[in-house]
Amino acid sequence: MDKKKTEKVENVDLILKSTWLAVSKMYSEMAQEYDSTAVQALTLLKIDPKEGTRSTNLGPKMAIEPTSLTRIIKLLEDNGYIYKEKTTSDKREVIIKLTDKGINSRNLSKEVVVNFNKKVMEQIAPEKLEIFKEVMNNILRIATNLNNKK
Protein backbone atom coordinates (compact mmCIF):
# COMPACT_ATOMS: atom_id res chain seq x y z
CA MET A 1 0.00 0.00 0.00
CA ASP A 2 1.16 3.54 -0.81
CA LYS A 3 2.77 5.23 2.25
CA LYS A 4 0.73 8.44 1.83
CA LYS A 5 -2.55 6.50 1.74
CA THR A 6 -1.54 4.58 4.88
CA GLU A 7 -0.78 7.84 6.72
CA LYS A 8 -4.19 9.29 5.78
CA VAL A 9 -6.00 6.20 7.05
CA GLU A 10 -4.06 6.37 10.33
CA ASN A 11 -4.87 10.06 10.62
CA VAL A 12 -8.61 9.43 10.19
CA ASP A 13 -8.42 6.68 12.78
CA LEU A 14 -6.45 8.89 15.18
CA ILE A 15 -8.81 11.85 14.76
CA LEU A 16 -11.85 9.63 15.39
CA LYS A 17 -10.31 7.96 18.41
CA SER A 18 -8.93 11.12 20.06
CA THR A 19 -12.15 13.07 19.46
CA TRP A 20 -14.30 10.32 20.92
CA LEU A 21 -11.95 9.93 23.89
CA ALA A 22 -12.18 13.67 24.61
CA VAL A 23 -16.00 13.66 24.40
CA SER A 24 -16.21 10.49 26.46
CA LYS A 25 -13.87 11.92 29.10
CA MET A 26 -15.94 15.12 29.25
CA TYR A 27 -19.16 13.14 29.79
CA SER A 28 -17.49 10.85 32.34
CA GLU A 29 -16.14 13.76 34.38
CA MET A 30 -19.54 15.45 34.38
CA ALA A 31 -21.24 12.21 35.45
CA GLN A 32 -18.72 11.72 38.28
CA GLU A 33 -19.88 15.00 39.79
CA TYR A 34 -23.21 13.24 40.38
CA ASP A 35 -21.73 9.90 41.52
CA SER A 36 -22.65 8.33 38.20
CA THR A 37 -21.00 7.19 34.98
CA ALA A 38 -21.48 8.28 31.39
CA VAL A 39 -22.81 4.81 30.50
CA GLN A 40 -25.42 5.01 33.26
CA ALA A 41 -26.46 8.45 32.04
CA LEU A 42 -26.69 7.19 28.44
CA THR A 43 -28.80 4.26 29.60
CA LEU A 44 -31.24 6.58 31.36
CA LEU A 45 -31.46 8.69 28.18
CA LYS A 46 -32.43 5.61 26.14
CA ILE A 47 -35.34 4.74 28.44
CA ASP A 48 -38.67 6.29 27.45
CA PRO A 49 -39.63 8.48 30.43
CA LYS A 50 -43.38 7.88 30.03
CA GLU A 51 -43.80 4.33 28.70
CA GLY A 52 -40.51 2.73 29.72
CA THR A 53 -38.47 0.63 27.31
CA ARG A 54 -38.43 -3.11 26.74
CA SER A 55 -35.16 -4.55 28.01
CA THR A 56 -34.68 -6.34 24.68
CA ASN A 57 -34.78 -2.99 22.83
CA LEU A 58 -32.30 -1.25 25.11
CA GLY A 59 -29.14 -3.10 24.01
CA PRO A 60 -29.51 -2.34 20.29
CA LYS A 61 -30.31 1.34 21.08
CA MET A 62 -27.03 1.62 22.97
CA ALA A 63 -24.86 -0.66 20.84
CA ILE A 64 -23.52 -2.57 23.84
CA GLU A 65 -23.23 -6.23 24.73
CA PRO A 66 -26.09 -7.86 26.68
CA THR A 67 -23.79 -8.82 29.60
CA SER A 68 -22.65 -5.21 30.00
CA LEU A 69 -26.23 -4.00 29.77
CA THR A 70 -27.32 -6.49 32.43
CA ARG A 71 -24.67 -5.09 34.81
CA ILE A 72 -25.70 -1.50 34.12
CA ILE A 73 -29.40 -2.26 34.58
CA LYS A 74 -28.70 -4.04 37.88
CA LEU A 75 -26.63 -1.09 39.12
CA LEU A 76 -29.31 1.42 38.12
CA GLU A 77 -31.98 -0.70 39.78
CA ASP A 78 -29.92 -1.17 42.97
CA ASN A 79 -29.37 2.60 43.14
CA GLY A 80 -33.08 3.39 42.70
CA TYR A 81 -33.01 4.93 39.20
CA ILE A 82 -35.13 2.28 37.50
CA TYR A 83 -37.48 -0.60 38.21
CA LYS A 84 -38.56 -3.57 36.13
CA GLU A 85 -42.14 -4.32 35.19
CA LYS A 86 -43.25 -7.55 33.53
CA THR A 87 -45.37 -7.14 30.42
CA THR A 88 -48.93 -8.42 30.49
CA SER A 89 -48.60 -10.30 27.21
CA ASP A 90 -45.32 -12.17 27.90
CA LYS A 91 -44.27 -12.66 31.52
CA ARG A 92 -40.66 -13.30 30.44
CA GLU A 93 -40.39 -9.85 28.88
CA VAL A 94 -39.51 -6.90 31.06
CA ILE A 95 -40.08 -3.18 30.62
CA ILE A 96 -37.51 -0.93 32.25
CA LYS A 97 -39.14 2.13 33.81
CA LEU A 98 -37.68 5.19 35.45
CA THR A 99 -38.28 6.08 39.08
CA ASP A 100 -38.60 9.76 40.07
CA LYS A 101 -34.88 9.69 40.87
CA GLY A 102 -34.22 8.19 37.44
CA ILE A 103 -36.34 10.85 35.70
CA ASN A 104 -34.45 13.62 37.51
CA SER A 105 -31.11 12.09 36.58
CA ARG A 106 -32.27 11.54 32.99
CA ASN A 107 -33.30 15.21 32.73
CA LEU A 108 -29.90 16.28 34.02
CA SER A 109 -28.16 13.98 31.50
CA LYS A 110 -30.31 15.34 28.70
CA GLU A 111 -29.41 18.89 29.68
CA VAL A 112 -25.68 18.04 29.50
CA VAL A 113 -26.05 16.49 26.04
CA VAL A 114 -28.20 19.37 24.75
CA ASN A 115 -25.73 21.95 26.10
CA PHE A 116 -22.79 20.18 24.46
CA ASN A 117 -24.64 20.06 21.14
CA LYS A 118 -25.52 23.77 21.46
CA LYS A 119 -21.85 24.62 22.04
CA VAL A 120 -20.85 22.64 18.97
CA MET A 121 -23.55 24.33 16.85
CA GLU A 122 -22.55 27.78 18.11
CA GLN A 123 -18.94 27.25 17.07
CA ILE A 124 -19.29 25.25 13.85
CA ALA A 125 -21.15 26.50 10.80
CA PRO A 126 -24.27 24.46 9.84
CA GLU A 127 -22.88 23.58 6.40
CA LYS A 128 -19.70 22.21 8.00
CA LEU A 129 -21.77 20.12 10.42
CA GLU A 130 -23.72 18.68 7.50
CA ILE A 131 -20.46 17.74 5.76
CA PHE A 132 -19.21 16.24 9.05
CA LYS A 133 -22.36 14.09 9.37
CA GLU A 134 -22.05 12.96 5.76
CA VAL A 135 -18.38 12.05 6.20
CA MET A 136 -19.03 10.22 9.48
CA ASN A 137 -21.86 8.24 7.88
CA ASN A 138 -19.54 7.32 5.02
CA ILE A 139 -16.82 6.21 7.45
CA LEU A 140 -19.41 4.16 9.35
CA ARG A 141 -20.55 2.54 6.11
CA ILE A 142 -16.94 1.76 5.08
CA ALA A 143 -16.11 0.27 8.48
CA THR A 144 -19.35 -1.75 8.52
CA ASN A 145 -18.71 -3.07 5.01
CA LEU A 146 -15.14 -4.05 5.87
CA ASN A 147 -16.29 -5.71 9.08
CA ASN A 148 -19.01 -7.68 7.24
CA LYS A 149 -16.46 -9.03 4.73
CA LYS A 150 -14.66 -11.04 7.45
C-alpha atoms as a PDB file:
ATOM      1  CA  MET A   1       0.000   0.000   0.000  1.00  0.00           C
ATOM      2  CA  ASP A   2       1.159   3.539  -0.813  1.00  0.00           C
ATOM      3  CA  LYS A   3       2.765   5.225   2.246  1.00  0.00           C
ATOM      4  CA  LYS A   4       0.729   8.440   1.833  1.00  0.00           C
ATOM      5  CA  LYS A   5      -2.550   6.500   1.742  1.00  0.00           C
ATOM      6  CA  THR A   6      -1.544   4.584   4.882  1.00  0.00           C
ATOM      7  CA  GLU A   7      -0.780   7.836   6.722  1.00  0.00           C
ATOM      8  CA  LYS A   8      -4.187   9.287   5.778  1.00  0.00           C
ATOM      9  CA  VAL A   9      -6.004   6.201   7.055  1.00  0.00           C
ATOM     10  CA  GLU A  10      -4.060   6.367  10.327  1.00  0.00           C
ATOM     11  CA  ASN A  11      -4.872  10.061  10.617  1.00  0.00           C
ATOM     12  CA  VAL A  12      -8.608   9.434  10.188  1.00  0.00           C
ATOM     13  CA  ASP A  13      -8.424   6.683  12.783  1.00  0.00           C
ATOM     14  CA  LEU A  14      -6.448   8.885  15.184  1.00  0.00           C
ATOM     15  CA  ILE A  15      -8.809  11.847  14.760  1.00  0.00           C
ATOM     16  CA  LEU A  16     -11.853   9.629  15.386  1.00  0.00           C
ATOM     17  CA  LYS A  17     -10.305   7.964  18.409  1.00  0.00           C
ATOM     18  CA  SER A  18      -8.926  11.118  20.059  1.00  0.00           C
ATOM     19  CA  THR A  19     -12.145  13.068  19.456  1.00  0.00           C
ATOM     20  CA  TRP A  20     -14.305  10.317  20.917  1.00  0.00           C
ATOM     21  CA  LEU A  21     -11.954   9.926  23.889  1.00  0.00           C
ATOM     22  CA  ALA A  22     -12.183  13.670  24.605  1.00  0.00           C
ATOM     23  CA  VAL A  23     -16.000  13.663  24.397  1.00  0.00           C
ATOM     24  CA  SER A  24     -16.214  10.485  26.462  1.00  0.00           C
ATOM     25  CA  LYS A  25     -13.871  11.924  29.101  1.00  0.00           C
ATOM     26  CA  MET A  26     -15.937  15.119  29.255  1.00  0.00           C
ATOM     27  CA  TYR A  27     -19.164  13.141  29.794  1.00  0.00           C
ATOM     28  CA  SER A  28     -17.489  10.845  32.343  1.00  0.00           C
ATOM     29  CA  GLU A  29     -16.141  13.756  34.384  1.00  0.00           C
ATOM     30  CA  MET A  30     -19.543  15.445  34.385  1.00  0.00           C
ATOM     31  CA  ALA A  31     -21.242  12.211  35.448  1.00  0.00           C
ATOM     32  CA  GLN A  32     -18.720  11.717  38.277  1.00  0.00           C
ATOM     33  CA  GLU A  33     -19.881  15.004  39.788  1.00  0.00           C
ATOM     34  CA  TYR A  34     -23.210  13.240  40.378  1.00  0.00           C
ATOM     35  CA  ASP A  35     -21.726   9.900  41.516  1.00  0.00           C
ATOM     36  CA  SER A  36     -22.655   8.335  38.198  1.00  0.00           C
ATOM     37  CA  THR A  37     -21.002   7.191  34.982  1.00  0.00           C
ATOM     38  CA  ALA A  38     -21.475   8.285  31.387  1.00  0.00           C
ATOM     39  CA  VAL A  39     -22.812   4.815  30.496  1.00  0.00           C
ATOM     40  CA  GLN A  40     -25.417   5.006  33.258  1.00  0.00           C
ATOM     41  CA  ALA A  41     -26.462   8.451  32.036  1.00  0.00           C
ATOM     42  CA  LEU A  42     -26.687   7.185  28.442  1.00  0.00           C
ATOM     43  CA  THR A  43     -28.804   4.256  29.595  1.00  0.00           C
ATOM     44  CA  LEU A  44     -31.238   6.577  31.356  1.00  0.00           C
ATOM     45  CA  LEU A  45     -31.463   8.685  28.178  1.00  0.00           C
ATOM     46  CA  LYS A  46     -32.432   5.612  26.144  1.00  0.00           C
ATOM     47  CA  ILE A  47     -35.344   4.736  28.442  1.00  0.00           C
ATOM     48  CA  ASP A  48     -38.666   6.289  27.446  1.00  0.00           C
ATOM     49  CA  PRO A  49     -39.628   8.481  30.432  1.00  0.00           C
ATOM     50  CA  LYS A  50     -43.379   7.876  30.031  1.00  0.00           C
ATOM     51  CA  GLU A  51     -43.796   4.329  28.705  1.00  0.00           C
ATOM     52  CA  GLY A  52     -40.507   2.731  29.715  1.00  0.00           C
ATOM     53  CA  THR A  53     -38.468   0.633  27.310  1.00  0.00           C
ATOM     54  CA  ARG A  54     -38.425  -3.112  26.743  1.00  0.00           C
ATOM     55  CA  SER A  55     -35.158  -4.549  28.009  1.00  0.00           C
ATOM     56  CA  THR A  56     -34.684  -6.343  24.678  1.00  0.00           C
ATOM     57  CA  ASN A  57     -34.782  -2.992  22.835  1.00  0.00           C
ATOM     58  CA  LEU A  58     -32.302  -1.249  25.108  1.00  0.00           C
ATOM     59  CA  GLY A  59     -29.140  -3.097  24.009  1.00  0.00           C
ATOM     60  CA  PRO A  60     -29.513  -2.336  20.290  1.00  0.00           C
ATOM     61  CA  LYS A  61     -30.306   1.335  21.076  1.00  0.00           C
ATOM     62  CA  MET A  62     -27.034   1.621  22.971  1.00  0.00           C
ATOM     63  CA  ALA A  63     -24.865  -0.661  20.837  1.00  0.00           C
ATOM     64  CA  ILE A  64     -23.521  -2.571  23.842  1.00  0.00           C
ATOM     65  CA  GLU A  65     -23.234  -6.229  24.729  1.00  0.00           C
ATOM     66  CA  PRO A  66     -26.095  -7.861  26.682  1.00  0.00           C
ATOM     67  CA  THR A  67     -23.793  -8.817  29.600  1.00  0.00           C
ATOM     68  CA  SER A  68     -22.646  -5.209  30.001  1.00  0.00           C
ATOM     69  CA  LEU A  69     -26.229  -4.000  29.775  1.00  0.00           C
ATOM     70  CA  THR A  70     -27.315  -6.489  32.430  1.00  0.00           C
ATOM     71  CA  ARG A  71     -24.674  -5.094  34.815  1.00  0.00           C
ATOM     72  CA  ILE A  72     -25.700  -1.496  34.122  1.00  0.00           C
ATOM     73  CA  ILE A  73     -29.405  -2.262  34.584  1.00  0.00           C
ATOM     74  CA  LYS A  74     -28.700  -4.043  37.879  1.00  0.00           C
ATOM     75  CA  LEU A  75     -26.633  -1.095  39.122  1.00  0.00           C
ATOM     76  CA  LEU A  76     -29.314   1.423  38.116  1.00  0.00           C
ATOM     77  CA  GLU A  77     -31.982  -0.703  39.779  1.00  0.00           C
ATOM     78  CA  ASP A  78     -29.915  -1.173  42.967  1.00  0.00           C
ATOM     79  CA  ASN A  79     -29.373   2.601  43.137  1.00  0.00           C
ATOM     80  CA  GLY A  80     -33.081   3.393  42.700  1.00  0.00           C
ATOM     81  CA  TYR A  81     -33.013   4.928  39.197  1.00  0.00           C
ATOM     82  CA  ILE A  82     -35.133   2.276  37.499  1.00  0.00           C
ATOM     83  CA  TYR A  83     -37.481  -0.603  38.209  1.00  0.00           C
ATOM     84  CA  LYS A  84     -38.561  -3.574  36.129  1.00  0.00           C
ATOM     85  CA  GLU A  85     -42.139  -4.320  35.193  1.00  0.00           C
ATOM     86  CA  LYS A  86     -43.246  -7.550  33.528  1.00  0.00           C
ATOM     87  CA  THR A  87     -45.372  -7.144  30.418  1.00  0.00           C
ATOM     88  CA  THR A  88     -48.927  -8.416  30.486  1.00  0.00           C
ATOM     89  CA  SER A  89     -48.599 -10.303  27.211  1.00  0.00           C
ATOM     90  CA  ASP A  90     -45.322 -12.169  27.898  1.00  0.00           C
ATOM     91  CA  LYS A  91     -44.274 -12.657  31.517  1.00  0.00           C
ATOM     92  CA  ARG A  92     -40.657 -13.297  30.437  1.00  0.00           C
ATOM     93  CA  GLU A  93     -40.391  -9.852  28.882  1.00  0.00           C
ATOM     94  CA  VAL A  94     -39.514  -6.899  31.063  1.00  0.00           C
ATOM     95  CA  ILE A  95     -40.081  -3.180  30.625  1.00  0.00           C
ATOM     96  CA  ILE A  96     -37.506  -0.931  32.245  1.00  0.00           C
ATOM     97  CA  LYS A  97     -39.142   2.126  33.806  1.00  0.00           C
ATOM     98  CA  LEU A  98     -37.675   5.193  35.453  1.00  0.00           C
ATOM     99  CA  THR A  99     -38.275   6.077  39.082  1.00  0.00           C
ATOM    100  CA  ASP A 100     -38.597   9.758  40.075  1.00  0.00           C
ATOM    101  CA  LYS A 101     -34.877   9.692  40.873  1.00  0.00           C
ATOM    102  CA  GLY A 102     -34.224   8.190  37.438  1.00  0.00           C
ATOM    103  CA  ILE A 103     -36.338  10.849  35.703  1.00  0.00           C
ATOM    104  CA  ASN A 104     -34.448  13.620  37.511  1.00  0.00           C
ATOM    105  CA  SER A 105     -31.114  12.085  36.584  1.00  0.00           C
ATOM    106  CA  ARG A 106     -32.271  11.544  32.988  1.00  0.00           C
ATOM    107  CA  ASN A 107     -33.305  15.210  32.730  1.00  0.00           C
ATOM    108  CA  LEU A 108     -29.898  16.276  34.015  1.00  0.00           C
ATOM    109  CA  SER A 109     -28.156  13.981  31.504  1.00  0.00           C
ATOM    110  CA  LYS A 110     -30.315  15.338  28.699  1.00  0.00           C
ATOM    111  CA  GLU A 111     -29.412  18.888  29.682  1.00  0.00           C
ATOM    112  CA  VAL A 112     -25.683  18.036  29.504  1.00  0.00           C
ATOM    113  CA  VAL A 113     -26.050  16.487  26.037  1.00  0.00           C
ATOM    114  CA  VAL A 114     -28.203  19.370  24.750  1.00  0.00           C
ATOM    115  CA  ASN A 115     -25.732  21.951  26.098  1.00  0.00           C
ATOM    116  CA  PHE A 116     -22.786  20.180  24.464  1.00  0.00           C
ATOM    117  CA  ASN A 117     -24.639  20.063  21.143  1.00  0.00           C
ATOM    118  CA  LYS A 118     -25.523  23.765  21.461  1.00  0.00           C
ATOM    119  CA  LYS A 119     -21.847  24.618  22.037  1.00  0.00           C
ATOM    120  CA  VAL A 120     -20.853  22.637  18.972  1.00  0.00           C
ATOM    121  CA  MET A 121     -23.550  24.327  16.848  1.00  0.00           C
ATOM    122  CA  GLU A 122     -22.550  27.781  18.107  1.00  0.00           C
ATOM    123  CA  GLN A 123     -18.943  27.246  17.073  1.00  0.00           C
ATOM    124  CA  ILE A 124     -19.289  25.248  13.855  1.00  0.00           C
ATOM    125  CA  ALA A 125     -21.149  26.496  10.797  1.00  0.00           C
ATOM    126  CA  PRO A 126     -24.267  24.456   9.843  1.00  0.00           C
ATOM    127  CA  GLU A 127     -22.879  23.584   6.401  1.00  0.00           C
ATOM    128  CA  LYS A 128     -19.702  22.214   8.001  1.00  0.00           C
ATOM    129  CA  LEU A 129     -21.774  20.117  10.418  1.00  0.00           C
ATOM    130  CA  GLU A 130     -23.721  18.675   7.495  1.00  0.00           C
ATOM    131  CA  ILE A 131     -20.464  17.737   5.757  1.00  0.00           C
ATOM    132  CA  PHE A 132     -19.209  16.236   9.048  1.00  0.00           C
ATOM    133  CA  LYS A 133     -22.362  14.090   9.367  1.00  0.00           C
ATOM    134  CA  GLU A 134     -22.047  12.957   5.763  1.00  0.00           C
ATOM    135  CA  VAL A 135     -18.377  12.055   6.199  1.00  0.00           C
ATOM    136  CA  MET A 136     -19.029  10.223   9.485  1.00  0.00           C
ATOM    137  CA  ASN A 137     -21.861   8.236   7.881  1.00  0.00           C
ATOM    138  CA  ASN A 138     -19.542   7.323   5.018  1.00  0.00           C
ATOM    139  CA  ILE A 139     -16.825   6.211   7.454  1.00  0.00           C
ATOM    140  CA  LEU A 140     -19.411   4.160   9.353  1.00  0.00           C
ATOM    141  CA  ARG A 141     -20.554   2.540   6.111  1.00  0.00           C
ATOM    142  CA  ILE A 142     -16.944   1.755   5.078  1.00  0.00           C
ATOM    143  CA  ALA A 143     -16.111   0.268   8.481  1.00  0.00           C
ATOM    144  CA  THR A 144     -19.345  -1.752   8.520  1.00  0.00           C
ATOM    145  CA  ASN A 145     -18.707  -3.075   5.012  1.00  0.00           C
ATOM    146  CA  LEU A 146     -15.138  -4.047   5.866  1.00  0.00           C
ATOM    147  CA  ASN A 147     -16.294  -5.710   9.080  1.00  0.00           C
ATOM    148  CA  ASN A 148     -19.005  -7.680   7.239  1.00  0.00           C
ATOM    149  CA  LYS A 149     -16.460  -9.031   4.734  1.00  0.00           C
ATOM    150  CA  LYS A 150     -14.656 -11.037   7.447  1.00  0.00           C
END
